[in-house]
PDB file of N, CA and C in Angstrom:
ATOM      1  N   MET A   1      12.980  11.809   7.713  1.00  0.00           N
ATOM      2  CA  MET A   1      12.231  10.617   7.285  1.00  0.00           C
ATOM      3  C   MET A   1      10.890  10.572   8.016  1.00  0.00           C
ATOM      4  N   ILE A   2       9.851  10.270   7.285  1.00  0.00           N
ATOM      5  CA  ILE A   2       8.522  10.092   7.881  1.00  0.00           C
ATOM      6  C   ILE A   2       8.501   8.755   8.607  1.00  0.00           C
ATOM      7  N   ASN A   3       7.892   8.747   9.800  1.00  0.00           N
ATOM      8  CA  ASN A   3       7.739   7.491  10.529  1.00  0.00           C
ATOM      9  C   ASN A   3       6.294   7.019  10.375  1.00  0.00           C
ATOM     10  N   TYR A   4       6.132   5.880   9.730  1.00  0.00           N
ATOM     11  CA  TYR A   4       4.805   5.313   9.466  1.00  0.00           C
ATOM     12  C   TYR A   4       4.355   4.329  10.542  1.00  0.00           C
ATOM     13  N   ASN A   5       5.150   4.156  11.591  1.00  0.00           N
ATOM     14  CA  ASN A   5       4.859   3.126  12.585  1.00  0.00           C
ATOM     15  C   ASN A   5       3.497   3.321  13.245  1.00  0.00           C
ATOM     16  N   ASN A   6       2.722   2.236  13.287  1.00  0.00           N
ATOM     17  CA  ASN A   6       1.396   2.181  13.914  1.00  0.00           C
ATOM     18  C   ASN A   6       0.355   3.077  13.245  1.00  0.00           C
ATOM     19  N   LYS A   7       0.576   3.434  11.993  1.00  0.00           N
ATOM     20  CA  LYS A   7      -0.406   4.228  11.258  1.00  0.00           C
ATOM     21  C   LYS A   7      -1.277   3.301  10.409  1.00  0.00           C
ATOM     22  N   THR A   8      -2.562   3.636  10.325  1.00  0.00           N
ATOM     23  CA  THR A   8      -3.527   2.866   9.549  1.00  0.00           C
ATOM     24  C   THR A   8      -3.896   3.664   8.307  1.00  0.00           C
ATOM     25  N   PHE A   9      -3.907   2.986   7.150  1.00  0.00           N
ATOM     26  CA  PHE A   9      -4.228   3.631   5.884  1.00  0.00           C
ATOM     27  C   PHE A   9      -5.380   2.899   5.199  1.00  0.00           C
ATOM     28  N   VAL A  10      -6.187   3.683   4.456  1.00  0.00           N
ATOM     29  CA  VAL A  10      -7.310   3.146   3.694  1.00  0.00           C
ATOM     30  C   VAL A  10      -7.270   3.777   2.294  1.00  0.00           C
ATOM     31  N   PRO A  11      -7.470   2.980   1.244  1.00  0.00           N
ATOM     32  CA  PRO A  11      -7.501   3.536  -0.111  1.00  0.00           C
ATOM     33  C   PRO A  11      -8.675   4.498  -0.304  1.00  0.00           C
ATOM     34  N   VAL A  12      -8.399   5.587  -1.040  1.00  0.00           N
ATOM     35  CA  VAL A  12      -9.465   6.517  -1.422  1.00  0.00           C
ATOM     36  C   VAL A  12      -9.687   6.484  -2.935  1.00  0.00           C
ATOM     37  N   SER A  13      -8.729   5.931  -3.686  1.00  0.00           N
ATOM     38  CA  SER A  13      -8.925   5.728  -5.123  1.00  0.00           C
ATOM     39  C   SER A  13      -7.963   4.655  -5.611  1.00  0.00           C
ATOM     40  N   ASN A  14      -8.346   4.005  -6.709  1.00  0.00           N
ATOM     41  CA  ASN A  14      -7.511   2.966  -7.308  1.00  0.00           C
ATOM     42  C   ASN A  14      -7.935   2.800  -8.761  1.00  0.00           C
ATOM     43  N   THR A  15      -6.990   2.429  -9.608  1.00  0.00           N
ATOM     44  CA  THR A  15      -7.355   2.145 -10.989  1.00  0.00           C
ATOM     45  C   THR A  15      -8.103   0.817 -11.047  1.00  0.00           C
ATOM     46  N   GLU A  16      -8.841   0.620 -12.126  1.00  0.00           N
ATOM     47  CA  GLU A  16      -9.773  -0.506 -12.242  1.00  0.00           C
ATOM     48  C   GLU A  16      -9.100  -1.873 -12.111  1.00  0.00           C
ATOM     49  N   ASN A  17      -7.843  -2.003 -12.505  1.00  0.00           N
ATOM     50  CA  ASN A  17      -7.139  -3.285 -12.453  1.00  0.00           C
ATOM     51  C   ASN A  17      -6.563  -3.596 -11.076  1.00  0.00           C
ATOM     52  N   GLY A  18      -6.798  -2.740 -10.086  1.00  0.00           N
ATOM     53  CA  GLY A  18      -6.325  -2.973  -8.723  1.00  0.00           C
ATOM     54  C   GLY A  18      -7.322  -3.773  -7.911  1.00  0.00           C
ATOM     55  N   GLU A  19      -6.866  -4.291  -6.784  1.00  0.00           N
ATOM     56  CA  GLU A  19      -7.740  -5.091  -5.923  1.00  0.00           C
ATOM     57  C   GLU A  19      -8.094  -4.403  -4.609  1.00  0.00           C
ATOM     58  N   THR A  20      -7.400  -3.319  -4.246  1.00  0.00           N
ATOM     59  CA  THR A  20      -7.745  -2.637  -3.005  1.00  0.00           C
ATOM     60  C   THR A  20      -8.957  -1.741  -3.224  1.00  0.00           C
ATOM     61  N   SER A  21      -9.661  -1.469  -2.127  1.00  0.00           N
ATOM     62  CA  SER A  21     -10.841  -0.605  -2.157  1.00  0.00           C
ATOM     63  C   SER A  21     -10.951   0.094  -0.806  1.00  0.00           C
ATOM     64  N   SER A  22     -11.989   0.891  -0.642  1.00  0.00           N
ATOM     65  CA  SER A  22     -12.187   1.587   0.634  1.00  0.00           C
ATOM     66  C   SER A  22     -12.409   0.623   1.791  1.00  0.00           C
ATOM     67  N   GLU A  23     -12.641  -0.656   1.494  1.00  0.00           N
ATOM     68  CA  GLU A  23     -12.818  -1.680   2.532  1.00  0.00           C
ATOM     69  C   GLU A  23     -11.492  -2.294   2.976  1.00  0.00           C
ATOM     70  N   THR A  24     -10.415  -1.997   2.254  1.00  0.00           N
ATOM     71  CA  THR A  24      -9.100  -2.553   2.574  1.00  0.00           C
ATOM     72  C   THR A  24      -8.426  -1.679   3.622  1.00  0.00           C
ATOM     73  N   VAL A  25      -7.895  -2.303   4.670  1.00  0.00           N
ATOM     74  CA  VAL A  25      -7.229  -1.575   5.753  1.00  0.00           C
ATOM     75  C   VAL A  25      -5.790  -2.069   5.869  1.00  0.00           C
ATOM     76  N   PHE A  26      -4.855  -1.114   5.858  1.00  0.00           N
ATOM     77  CA  PHE A  26      -3.424  -1.389   5.994  1.00  0.00           C
ATOM     78  C   PHE A  26      -2.957  -0.904   7.359  1.00  0.00           C
ATOM     79  N   LEU A  27      -2.259  -1.739   8.130  1.00  0.00           N
ATOM     80  CA  LEU A  27      -1.626  -1.315   9.370  1.00  0.00           C
ATOM     81  C   LEU A  27      -0.119  -1.347   9.149  1.00  0.00           C
ATOM     82  N   TYR A  28       0.507  -0.177   9.174  1.00  0.00           N
ATOM     83  CA  TYR A  28       1.936  -0.057   8.923  1.00  0.00           C
ATOM     84  C   TYR A  28       2.722  -0.171  10.218  1.00  0.00           C
ATOM     85  N   LYS A  29       3.864  -0.848  10.120  1.00  0.00           N
ATOM     86  CA  LYS A  29       4.849  -0.941  11.202  1.00  0.00           C
ATOM     87  C   LYS A  29       6.191  -0.553  10.602  1.00  0.00           C
ATOM     88  N   GLN A  30       6.978   0.222  11.334  1.00  0.00           N
ATOM     89  CA  GLN A  30       8.267   0.662  10.827  1.00  0.00           C
ATOM     90  C   GLN A  30       9.309   0.621  11.922  1.00  0.00           C
ATOM     91  N   VAL A  31      10.481   0.068  11.598  1.00  0.00           N
ATOM     92  CA  VAL A  31      11.656   0.099  12.463  1.00  0.00           C
ATOM     93  C   VAL A  31      12.813   0.589  11.598  1.00  0.00           C
ATOM     94  N   GLY A  32      13.401   1.725  11.978  1.00  0.00           N
ATOM     95  CA  GLY A  32      14.428   2.329  11.134  1.00  0.00           C
ATOM     96  C   GLY A  32      13.790   2.695   9.799  1.00  0.00           C
ATOM     97  N   ASN A  33      14.415   2.245   8.706  1.00  0.00           N
ATOM     98  CA  ASN A  33      13.840   2.541   7.389  1.00  0.00           C
ATOM     99  C   ASN A  33      13.094   1.344   6.800  1.00  0.00           C
ATOM    100  N   ILE A  34      12.864   0.304   7.618  1.00  0.00           N
ATOM    101  CA  ILE A  34      12.167  -0.893   7.145  1.00  0.00           C
ATOM    102  C   ILE A  34      10.695  -0.810   7.530  1.00  0.00           C
ATOM    103  N   LEU A  35       9.841  -0.957   6.519  1.00  0.00           N
ATOM    104  CA  LEU A  35       8.395  -0.867   6.703  1.00  0.00           C
ATOM    105  C   LEU A  35       7.761  -2.216   6.376  1.00  0.00           C
ATOM    106  N   ILE A  36       6.827  -2.637   7.201  1.00  0.00           N
ATOM    107  CA  ILE A  36       6.028  -3.829   6.904  1.00  0.00           C
ATOM    108  C   ILE A  36       4.558  -3.490   7.145  1.00  0.00           C
ATOM    109  N   SER A  37       3.680  -4.268   6.528  1.00  0.00           N
ATOM    110  CA  SER A  37       2.255  -4.081   6.753  1.00  0.00           C
ATOM    111  C   SER A  37       1.520  -5.384   6.504  1.00  0.00           C
ATOM    112  N   GLU A  38       0.476  -5.600   7.280  1.00  0.00           N
ATOM    113  CA  GLU A  38      -0.525  -6.621   6.988  1.00  0.00           C
ATOM    114  C   GLU A  38      -1.772  -5.867   6.577  1.00  0.00           C
ATOM    115  N   TYR A  39      -2.513  -6.429   5.624  1.00  0.00           N
ATOM    116  CA  TYR A  39      -3.730  -5.770   5.181  1.00  0.00           C
ATOM    117  C   TYR A  39      -4.753  -6.794   4.707  1.00  0.00           C
ATOM    118  N   SER A  40      -6.017  -6.371   4.724  1.00  0.00           N
ATOM    119  CA  SER A  40      -7.121  -7.216   4.265  1.00  0.00           C
ATOM    120  C   SER A  40      -8.345  -6.337   4.096  1.00  0.00           C
ATOM    121  N   GLY A  41      -9.357  -6.919   3.470  1.00  0.00           N
ATOM    122  CA  GLY A  41     -10.630  -6.221   3.294  1.00  0.00           C
ATOM    123  C   GLY A  41     -11.007  -6.084   1.839  1.00  0.00           C
ATOM    124  N   GLY A  42     -12.297  -6.072   1.574  1.00  0.00           N
ATOM    125  CA  GLY A  42     -12.780  -6.001   0.200  1.00  0.00           C
ATOM    126  C   GLY A  42     -12.425  -7.282  -0.534  1.00  0.00           C
ATOM    127  N   LYS A  43     -11.783  -7.163  -1.686  1.00  0.00           N
ATOM    128  CA  LYS A  43     -11.416  -8.329  -2.497  1.00  0.00           C
ATOM    129  C   LYS A  43     -10.201  -9.078  -1.952  1.00  0.00           C
ATOM    130  N   ILE A  44      -9.549  -8.526  -0.925  1.00  0.00           N
ATOM    131  CA  ILE A  44      -8.300  -9.117  -0.410  1.00  0.00           C
ATOM    132  C   ILE A  44      -8.564  -9.852   0.893  1.00  0.00           C
ATOM    133  N   ILE A  45      -8.291 -11.154   0.870  1.00  0.00           N
ATOM    134  CA  ILE A  45      -8.446 -11.974   2.077  1.00  0.00           C
ATOM    135  C   ILE A  45      -7.296 -11.691   3.045  1.00  0.00           C
ATOM    136  N   LYS A  46      -6.055 -11.689   2.532  1.00  0.00           N
ATOM    137  CA  LYS A  46      -4.886 -11.431   3.368  1.00  0.00           C
ATOM    138  C   LYS A  46      -3.758 -10.933   2.489  1.00  0.00           C
ATOM    139  N   GLY A  47      -3.054  -9.898   2.950  1.00  0.00           N
ATOM    140  CA  GLY A  47      -1.921  -9.374   2.211  1.00  0.00           C
ATOM    141  C   GLY A  47      -0.818  -8.918   3.139  1.00  0.00           C
ATOM    142  N   HIS A  48       0.391  -8.862   2.594  1.00  0.00           N
ATOM    143  CA  HIS A  48       1.566  -8.363   3.310  1.00  0.00           C
ATOM    144  C   HIS A  48       2.366  -7.491   2.357  1.00  0.00           C
ATOM    145  N   LEU A  49       3.050  -6.517   2.925  1.00  0.00           N
ATOM    146  CA  LEU A  49       4.014  -5.771   2.131  1.00  0.00           C
ATOM    147  C   LEU A  49       5.262  -5.533   2.963  1.00  0.00           C
ATOM    148  N   ILE A  50       6.375  -5.338   2.263  1.00  0.00           N
ATOM    149  CA  ILE A  50       7.630  -4.980   2.901  1.00  0.00           C
ATOM    150  C   ILE A  50       8.284  -3.926   2.037  1.00  0.00           C
ATOM    151  N   GLY A  51       8.886  -2.933   2.679  1.00  0.00           N
ATOM    152  CA  GLY A  51       9.470  -1.865   1.899  1.00  0.00           C
ATOM    153  C   GLY A  51      10.548  -1.122   2.654  1.00  0.00           C
ATOM    154  N   LEU A  52      11.205  -0.237   1.903  1.00  0.00           N
ATOM    155  CA  LEU A  52      12.225   0.646   2.448  1.00  0.00           C
ATOM    156  C   LEU A  52      11.750   2.081   2.309  1.00  0.00           C
ATOM    157  N   VAL A  53      11.924   2.856   3.384  1.00  0.00           N
ATOM    158  CA  VAL A  53      11.519   4.257   3.411  1.00  0.00           C
ATOM    159  C   VAL A  53      12.770   5.114   3.241  1.00  0.00           C
ATOM    160  N   ASP A  54      12.745   6.057   2.272  1.00  0.00           N
ATOM    161  CA  ASP A  54      13.915   6.915   2.085  1.00  0.00           C
ATOM    162  C   ASP A  54      13.781   8.192   2.913  1.00  0.00           C
ATOM    163  N   ALA A  55      14.768   9.076   2.810  1.00  0.00           N
ATOM    164  CA  ALA A  55      14.814  10.297   3.622  1.00  0.00           C
ATOM    165  C   ALA A  55      13.628  11.216   3.372  1.00  0.00           C
ATOM    166  N   ASN A  56      12.997  11.135   2.196  1.00  0.00           N
ATOM    167  CA  ASN A  56      11.840  11.964   1.870  1.00  0.00           C
ATOM    168  C   ASN A  56      10.519  11.301   2.248  1.00  0.00           C
ATOM    169  N   GLY A  57      10.572  10.082   2.788  1.00  0.00           N
ATOM    170  CA  GLY A  57       9.360   9.358   3.158  1.00  0.00           C
ATOM    171  C   GLY A  57       8.786   8.513   2.042  1.00  0.00           C
ATOM    172  N   THR A  58       9.456   8.493   0.879  1.00  0.00           N
ATOM    173  CA  THR A  58       9.010   7.646  -0.226  1.00  0.00           C
ATOM    174  C   THR A  58       9.272   6.193   0.117  1.00  0.00           C
ATOM    175  N   ILE A  59       8.299   5.330  -0.199  1.00  0.00           N
ATOM    176  CA  ILE A  59       8.401   3.905   0.121  1.00  0.00           C
ATOM    177  C   ILE A  59       8.568   3.117  -1.171  1.00  0.00           C
ATOM    178  N   ASP A  60       9.606   2.288  -1.210  1.00  0.00           N
ATOM    179  CA  ASP A  60       9.833   1.333  -2.305  1.00  0.00           C
ATOM    180  C   ASP A  60       9.435  -0.017  -1.734  1.00  0.00           C
ATOM    181  N   MET A  61       8.336  -0.606  -2.227  1.00  0.00           N
ATOM    182  CA  MET A  61       7.800  -1.804  -1.577  1.00  0.00           C
ATOM    183  C   MET A  61       7.509  -2.932  -2.555  1.00  0.00           C
ATOM    184  N   ARG A  62       7.377  -4.114  -1.992  1.00  0.00           N
ATOM    185  CA  ARG A  62       6.912  -5.310  -2.691  1.00  0.00           C
ATOM    186  C   ARG A  62       5.726  -5.841  -1.888  1.00  0.00           C
ATOM    187  N   TYR A  63       4.744  -6.383  -2.579  1.00  0.00           N
ATOM    188  CA  TYR A  63       3.558  -6.883  -1.869  1.00  0.00           C
ATOM    189  C   TYR A  63       3.108  -8.216  -2.453  1.00  0.00           C
ATOM    190  N   HIS A  64       2.409  -8.972  -1.615  1.00  0.00           N
ATOM    191  CA  HIS A  64       1.746 -10.201  -2.066  1.00  0.00           C
ATOM    192  C   HIS A  64       0.439 -10.341  -1.299  1.00  0.00           C
ATOM    193  N   GLN A  65      -0.551 -10.901  -1.971  1.00  0.00           N
ATOM    194  CA  GLN A  65      -1.870 -11.006  -1.354  1.00  0.00           C
ATOM    195  C   GLN A  65      -2.652 -12.160  -1.963  1.00  0.00           C
ATOM    196  N   ILE A  66      -3.592 -12.668  -1.164  1.00  0.00           N
ATOM    197  CA  ILE A  66      -4.543 -13.679  -1.626  1.00  0.00           C
ATOM    198  C   ILE A  66      -5.877 -12.963  -1.818  1.00  0.00           C
ATOM    199  N   ASN A  67      -6.434 -13.054  -3.028  1.00  0.00           N
ATOM    200  CA  ASN A  67      -7.705 -12.371  -3.289  1.00  0.00           C
ATOM    201  C   ASN A  67      -8.882 -13.319  -3.052  1.00  0.00           C
ATOM    202  N   GLU A  68     -10.083 -12.790  -3.192  1.00  0.00           N
ATOM    203  CA  GLU A  68     -11.302 -13.566  -2.908  1.00  0.00           C
ATOM    204  C   GLU A  68     -11.490 -14.736  -3.872  1.00  0.00           C
ATOM    205  N   ASN A  69     -10.750 -14.756  -4.992  1.00  0.00           N
ATOM    206  CA  ASN A  69     -10.793 -15.891  -5.923  1.00  0.00           C
ATOM    207  C   ASN A  69      -9.774 -16.965  -5.575  1.00  0.00           C
ATOM    208  N   GLY A  70      -9.047 -16.760  -4.458  1.00  0.00           N
ATOM    209  CA  GLY A  70      -8.038 -17.727  -4.040  1.00  0.00           C
ATOM    210  C   GLY A  70      -6.735 -17.625  -4.822  1.00  0.00           C
ATOM    211  N   GLU A  71      -6.535 -16.501  -5.522  1.00  0.00           N
ATOM    212  CA  GLU A  71      -5.323 -16.313  -6.311  1.00  0.00           C
ATOM    213  C   GLU A  71      -4.258 -15.596  -5.490  1.00  0.00           C
ATOM    214  N   LEU A  72      -3.004 -16.009  -5.674  1.00  0.00           N
ATOM    215  CA  LEU A  72      -1.858 -15.331  -5.069  1.00  0.00           C
ATOM    216  C   LEU A  72      -1.379 -14.279  -6.068  1.00  0.00           C
ATOM    217  N   MET A  73      -1.475 -13.018  -5.677  1.00  0.00           N
ATOM    218  CA  MET A  73      -1.091 -11.904  -6.540  1.00  0.00           C
ATOM    219  C   MET A  73       0.110 -11.194  -5.918  1.00  0.00           C
ATOM    220  N   THR A  74       1.071 -10.783  -6.755  1.00  0.00           N
ATOM    221  CA  THR A  74       2.274 -10.111  -6.266  1.00  0.00           C
ATOM    222  C   THR A  74       2.532  -8.861  -7.097  1.00  0.00           C
ATOM    223  N   GLY A  75       3.223  -7.897  -6.473  1.00  0.00           N
ATOM    224  CA  GLY A  75       3.510  -6.676  -7.198  1.00  0.00           C
ATOM    225  C   GLY A  75       4.566  -5.813  -6.543  1.00  0.00           C
ATOM    226  N   ILE A  76       4.878  -4.724  -7.239  1.00  0.00           N
ATOM    227  CA  ILE A  76       5.827  -3.716  -6.766  1.00  0.00           C
ATOM    228  C   ILE A  76       5.114  -2.375  -6.733  1.00  0.00           C
ATOM    229  N   CYS A  77       5.586  -1.483  -5.860  1.00  0.00           N
ATOM    230  CA  CYS A  77       4.916  -0.202  -5.695  1.00  0.00           C
ATOM    231  C   CYS A  77       5.898   0.849  -5.177  1.00  0.00           C
ATOM    232  N   ILE A  78       5.758   2.064  -5.683  1.00  0.00           N
ATOM    233  CA  ILE A  78       6.445   3.235  -5.135  1.00  0.00           C
ATOM    234  C   ILE A  78       5.363   4.159  -4.595  1.00  0.00           C
ATOM    235  N   SER A  79       5.469   4.535  -3.308  1.00  0.00           N
ATOM    236  CA  SER A  79       4.497   5.405  -2.657  1.00  0.00           C
ATOM    237  C   SER A  79       5.167   6.708  -2.248  1.00  0.00           C
ATOM    238  N   LYS A  80       4.603   7.830  -2.705  1.00  0.00           N
ATOM    239  CA  LYS A  80       5.158   9.151  -2.395  1.00  0.00           C
ATOM    240  C   LYS A  80       4.203   9.898  -1.481  1.00  0.00           C
ATOM    241  N   PRO A  81       4.723  10.408  -0.342  1.00  0.00           N
ATOM    242  CA  PRO A  81       3.851  11.021   0.654  1.00  0.00           C
ATOM    243  C   PRO A  81       3.544  12.491   0.412  1.00  0.00           C
ATOM    244  N   GLU A  82       2.381  12.880   0.913  1.00  0.00           N
ATOM    245  CA  GLU A  82       1.991  14.284   1.050  1.00  0.00           C
ATOM    246  C   GLU A  82       1.445  14.432   2.461  1.00  0.00           C
ATOM    247  N   ILE A  83       1.877  15.458   3.176  1.00  0.00           N
ATOM    248  CA  ILE A  83       1.337  15.734   4.506  1.00  0.00           C
ATOM    249  C   ILE A  83       0.157  16.696   4.319  1.00  0.00           C
ATOM    250  N   LEU A  84      -1.018  16.265   4.744  1.00  0.00           N
ATOM    251  CA  LEU A  84      -2.235  17.061   4.593  1.00  0.00           C
ATOM    252  C   LEU A  84      -2.303  18.162   5.654  1.00  0.00           C
ATOM    253  N   GLU A  85      -3.201  19.112   5.456  1.00  0.00           N
ATOM    254  CA  GLU A  85      -3.353  20.227   6.405  1.00  0.00           C
ATOM    255  C   GLU A  85      -3.660  19.750   7.816  1.00  0.00           C
ATOM    256  N   ASN A  86      -4.347  18.615   7.935  1.00  0.00           N
ATOM    257  CA  ASN A  86      -4.688  18.082   9.260  1.00  0.00           C
ATOM    258  C   ASN A  86      -3.560  17.245   9.869  1.00  0.00           C
ATOM    259  N   GLY A  87      -2.392  17.185   9.189  1.00  0.00           N
ATOM    260  CA  GLY A  87      -1.241  16.445   9.705  1.00  0.00           C
ATOM    261  C   GLY A  87      -1.209  14.990   9.298  1.00  0.00           C
ATOM    262  N   LYS A  88      -2.291  14.502   8.693  1.00  0.00           N
ATOM    263  CA  LYS A  88      -2.340  13.114   8.241  1.00  0.00           C
ATOM    264  C   LYS A  88      -1.544  12.948   6.953  1.00  0.00           C
ATOM    265  N   ILE A  89      -1.214  11.696   6.632  1.00  0.00           N
ATOM    266  CA  ILE A  89      -0.401  11.386   5.458  1.00  0.00           C
ATOM    267  C   ILE A  89      -1.285  10.839   4.343  1.00  0.00           C
ATOM    268  N   ARG A  90      -1.061  11.345   3.134  1.00  0.00           N
ATOM    269  CA  ARG A  90      -1.672  10.796   1.923  1.00  0.00           C
ATOM    270  C   ARG A  90      -0.525  10.223   1.093  1.00  0.00           C
ATOM    271  N   LEU A  91      -0.699   8.990   0.587  1.00  0.00           N
ATOM    272  CA  LEU A  91       0.314   8.345  -0.236  1.00  0.00           C
ATOM    273  C   LEU A  91      -0.186   8.182  -1.659  1.00  0.00           C
ATOM    274  N   TYR A  92       0.606   8.676  -2.607  1.00  0.00           N
ATOM    275  CA  TYR A  92       0.330   8.526  -4.034  1.00  0.00           C
ATOM    276  C   TYR A  92       1.144   7.341  -4.533  1.00  0.00           C
ATOM    277  N   GLU A  93       0.469   6.306  -4.991  1.00  0.00           N
ATOM    278  CA  GLU A  93       1.121   5.034  -5.294  1.00  0.00           C
ATOM    279  C   GLU A  93       1.101   4.724  -6.794  1.00  0.00           C
ATOM    280  N   SER A  94       2.258   4.357  -7.311  1.00  0.00           N
ATOM    281  CA  SER A  94       2.397   3.839  -8.673  1.00  0.00           C
ATOM    282  C   SER A  94       2.824   2.387  -8.533  1.00  0.00           C
ATOM    283  N   TRP A  95       2.025   1.475  -9.078  1.00  0.00           N
ATOM    284  CA  TRP A  95       2.280   0.061  -8.838  1.00  0.00           C
ATOM    285  C   TRP A  95       2.187  -0.740 -10.129  1.00  0.00           C
ATOM    286  N   GLN A  96       2.713  -1.975 -10.037  1.00  0.00           N
ATOM    287  CA  GLN A  96       2.621  -2.900 -11.166  1.00  0.00           C
ATOM    288  C   GLN A  96       2.513  -4.317 -10.636  1.00  0.00           C
ATOM    289  N   TRP A  97       1.593  -5.069 -11.213  1.00  0.00           N
ATOM    290  CA  TRP A  97       1.521  -6.496 -10.911  1.00  0.00           C
ATOM    291  C   TRP A  97       2.758  -7.182 -11.497  1.00  0.00           C
ATOM    292  N   ILE A  98       3.364  -8.091 -10.738  1.00  0.00           N
ATOM    293  CA  ILE A  98       4.420  -8.939 -11.301  1.00  0.00           C
ATOM    294  C   ILE A  98       3.906 -10.364 -11.445  1.00  0.00           C
ATOM    295  N   SER A  99       2.615 -10.518 -11.190  1.00  0.00           N
ATOM    296  CA  SER A  99       1.894 -11.763 -11.482  1.00  0.00           C
ATOM    297  C   SER A  99       0.709 -11.382 -12.361  1.00  0.00           C
ATOM    298  N   GLY A 100      -0.014 -12.364 -12.844  1.00  0.00           N
ATOM    299  CA  GLY A 100      -1.186 -12.067 -13.671  1.00  0.00           C
ATOM    300  C   GLY A 100      -0.807 -11.352 -14.952  1.00  0.00           C
ATOM    301  N   ASP A 101      -1.529 -10.280 -15.262  1.00  0.00           N
ATOM    302  CA  ASP A 101      -1.321  -9.592 -16.543  1.00  0.00           C
ATOM    303  C   ASP A 101      -0.175  -8.573 -16.534  1.00  0.00           C
ATOM    304  N   GLN A 102       0.463  -8.395 -15.394  1.00  0.00           N
ATOM    305  CA  GLN A 102       1.602  -7.472 -15.228  1.00  0.00           C
ATOM    306  C   GLN A 102       1.251  -6.027 -15.583  1.00  0.00           C
ATOM    307  N   SER A 103      -0.022  -5.680 -15.460  1.00  0.00           N
ATOM    308  CA  SER A 103      -0.463  -4.321 -15.750  1.00  0.00           C
ATOM    309  C   SER A 103      -0.025  -3.360 -14.646  1.00  0.00           C
ATOM    310  N   LYS A 104      -0.079  -2.069 -14.980  1.00  0.00           N
ATOM    311  CA  LYS A 104       0.289  -1.008 -14.047  1.00  0.00           C
ATOM    312  C   LYS A 104      -0.962  -0.265 -13.587  1.00  0.00           C
ATOM    313  N   GLY A 105      -0.826   0.430 -12.457  1.00  0.00           N
ATOM    314  CA  GLY A 105      -1.930   1.225 -11.957  1.00  0.00           C
ATOM    315  C   GLY A 105      -1.464   2.283 -10.990  1.00  0.00           C
ATOM    316  N   GLU A 106      -2.414   3.084 -10.532  1.00  0.00           N
ATOM    317  CA  GLU A 106      -2.146   4.129  -9.550  1.00  0.00           C
ATOM    318  C   GLU A 106      -3.257   4.121  -8.514  1.00  0.00           C
ATOM    319  N   SER A 107      -2.866   4.377  -7.280  1.00  0.00           N
ATOM    320  CA  SER A 107      -3.835   4.457  -6.202  1.00  0.00           C
ATOM    321  C   SER A 107      -3.424   5.553  -5.229  1.00  0.00           C
ATOM    322  N   ILE A 108      -4.368   5.954  -4.408  1.00  0.00           N
ATOM    323  CA  ILE A 108      -4.108   6.909  -3.332  1.00  0.00           C
ATOM    324  C   ILE A 108      -4.669   6.304  -2.061  1.00  0.00           C
ATOM    325  N   ILE A 109      -3.844   6.287  -1.011  1.00  0.00           N
ATOM    326  CA  ILE A 109      -4.318   5.849   0.295  1.00  0.00           C
ATOM    327  C   ILE A 109      -4.076   6.977   1.292  1.00  0.00           C
ATOM    328  N   GLU A 110      -4.927   7.022   2.324  1.00  0.00           N
ATOM    329  CA  GLU A 110      -4.818   8.079   3.328  1.00  0.00           C
ATOM    330  C   GLU A 110      -4.819   7.508   4.720  1.00  0.00           C
ATOM    331  N   GLU A 111      -4.061   8.175   5.586  1.00  0.00           N
ATOM    332  CA  GLU A 111      -4.012   7.799   6.998  1.00  0.00           C
ATOM    333  C   GLU A 111      -5.353   8.061   7.647  1.00  0.00           C
ATOM    334  N   GLN A 112      -5.790   7.119   8.468  1.00  0.00           N
ATOM    335  CA  GLN A 112      -7.066   7.250   9.176  1.00  0.00           C
ATOM    336  C   GLN A 112      -6.862   7.822  10.566  1.00  0.00           C
TER     337      GLN A 112
END
């Protein structure tokens, strides 16, 4: 299992219907297979996520955030890891809003 504890991630790409950007910073904390994160930046004033990490390092998570329009947005996400040549982690994310228009998207975030 990959340990994400105390790792910082920043988005490098996102589909147009997403709210994260290169200005959004995620700080991951992990105990056992339970992952939590606080994040903010760009269009996001404050966000939290909670998830479970499986033996392959894949994260099944739920998130909620307040955007710059004062809206509470919620969603689900599956993040699949890739270990880069420099040892850092890249996460390929497939997500869906469970609020708003319930659209789907994909993003990539990388460890800083």
